[in-house]
Amino acid sequence: MLLSELAEKELIQVKDGARYGKLADTELLFNPTNGKIEGFEVYPKSASFFQANKANKKKEFISWEEIILIGKDRILFNEADSSGDSSVYS
């Protein structure tokens, strides 16, 4: 599968069905030492259009290990972590 094909897939959290947008809207985090993908930084989706200011939102981290399924149109994952420090690999 090409990276461009992955980028168009929608991220959905299985636990509550929350949609996190497309993979293309995330920041890919990888370990520069070994090239391993660690996960993705995303902004949680807001319920209101008026709350869409990214400056006031806290980033969440989706670990590569949390991904359950990569389907035709969607990527399903268990949980996003908003408390962990994902800045180690950026």
Protein backbone atom coordinates (compact mmCIF):
# COMPACT_ATOMS: atom_id res chain seq x y z
CA MET A 1 0.00 0.00 0.00
CA LEU A 2 1.28 3.45 -0.89
CA LEU A 3 1.59 6.21 1.68
CA SER A 4 -0.69 8.38 -0.46
CA GLU A 5 -3.40 5.70 -0.14
CA LEU A 6 -3.00 5.60 3.64
CA ALA A 7 -3.19 9.40 3.87
CA GLU A 8 -6.79 9.45 2.59
CA LYS A 9 -8.08 7.03 5.22
CA GLU A 10 -10.18 8.35 8.11
CA LEU A 11 -9.04 7.74 11.71
CA ILE A 12 -11.79 6.41 13.99
CA GLN A 13 -11.50 5.52 17.66
CA VAL A 14 -13.28 2.22 18.30
CA LYS A 15 -14.17 2.91 21.94
CA ASP A 16 -16.59 5.76 21.26
CA GLY A 17 -16.67 6.14 17.48
CA ALA A 18 -14.90 9.52 17.60
CA ARG A 19 -13.62 10.66 14.22
CA TYR A 20 -10.16 12.21 14.11
CA GLY A 21 -10.08 13.23 10.46
CA LYS A 22 -7.84 11.84 7.76
CA LEU A 23 -4.38 10.48 8.34
CA ALA A 24 -3.06 13.25 6.05
CA ASP A 25 -4.11 15.79 8.73
CA THR A 26 -1.82 14.26 11.37
CA GLU A 27 1.84 14.62 12.22
CA LEU A 28 3.78 11.40 11.69
CA LEU A 29 6.20 10.68 14.54
CA PHE A 30 9.04 8.25 14.00
CA ASN A 31 12.21 7.24 15.78
CA PRO A 32 15.10 8.73 13.75
CA THR A 33 17.51 6.13 15.11
CA ASN A 34 15.76 3.08 13.70
CA GLY A 35 13.13 4.59 11.36
CA LYS A 36 10.25 2.91 13.21
CA ILE A 37 6.89 4.70 13.10
CA GLU A 38 5.93 5.50 16.69
CA GLY A 39 2.51 7.01 15.99
CA PHE A 40 0.63 10.12 15.00
CA GLU A 41 -0.15 13.45 16.66
CA VAL A 42 -3.70 14.64 16.07
CA TYR A 43 -6.01 17.39 17.25
CA PRO A 44 -9.23 15.99 18.73
CA LYS A 45 -12.34 16.87 16.77
CA SER A 46 -14.49 19.58 18.32
CA ALA A 47 -18.25 19.44 18.54
CA SER A 48 -18.61 23.01 17.37
CA PHE A 49 -17.30 24.79 14.30
CA PHE A 50 -16.52 27.82 16.48
CA GLN A 51 -14.16 25.78 18.67
CA ALA A 52 -11.94 24.88 15.74
CA ASN A 53 -8.99 27.07 16.81
CA LYS A 54 -6.00 24.69 17.00
CA ALA A 55 -4.03 27.04 19.23
CA ASN A 56 -6.38 26.35 22.13
CA LYS A 57 -6.50 22.58 21.63
CA LYS A 58 -4.27 19.97 23.16
CA LYS A 59 -2.71 17.46 20.78
CA GLU A 60 -3.38 13.78 21.25
CA PHE A 61 -1.07 10.91 20.36
CA ILE A 62 -2.16 7.72 18.59
CA SER A 63 0.48 5.05 19.11
CA TRP A 64 1.17 2.70 16.18
CA GLU A 65 0.46 -0.20 18.57
CA GLU A 66 -3.09 1.13 19.14
CA ILE A 67 -4.06 0.60 15.49
CA ILE A 68 -6.42 -2.36 15.20
CA LEU A 69 -7.37 -2.39 11.53
CA ILE A 70 -6.45 -0.61 8.32
CA GLY A 71 -9.48 -1.01 6.07
CA LYS A 72 -10.48 0.21 2.64
CA ASP A 73 -11.61 3.66 3.83
CA ARG A 74 -10.78 3.80 7.54
CA ILE A 75 -8.12 3.17 10.16
CA LEU A 76 -9.53 1.90 13.45
CA PHE A 77 -7.60 2.40 16.68
CA ASN A 78 -8.14 1.72 20.39
CA GLU A 79 -7.25 4.91 22.23
CA ALA A 80 -5.55 8.25 21.79
CA ASP A 81 -3.30 9.43 24.61
CA SER A 82 -3.49 13.08 25.60
CA SER A 83 -1.23 12.78 28.64
CA GLY A 84 1.90 11.17 27.19
CA ASP A 85 4.94 13.03 25.92
CA SER A 86 5.15 12.30 22.21
CA SER A 87 7.59 15.16 21.55
CA VAL A 88 10.56 12.80 21.96
CA TYR A 89 10.47 11.81 18.30
CA SER A 90 9.50 15.08 16.67
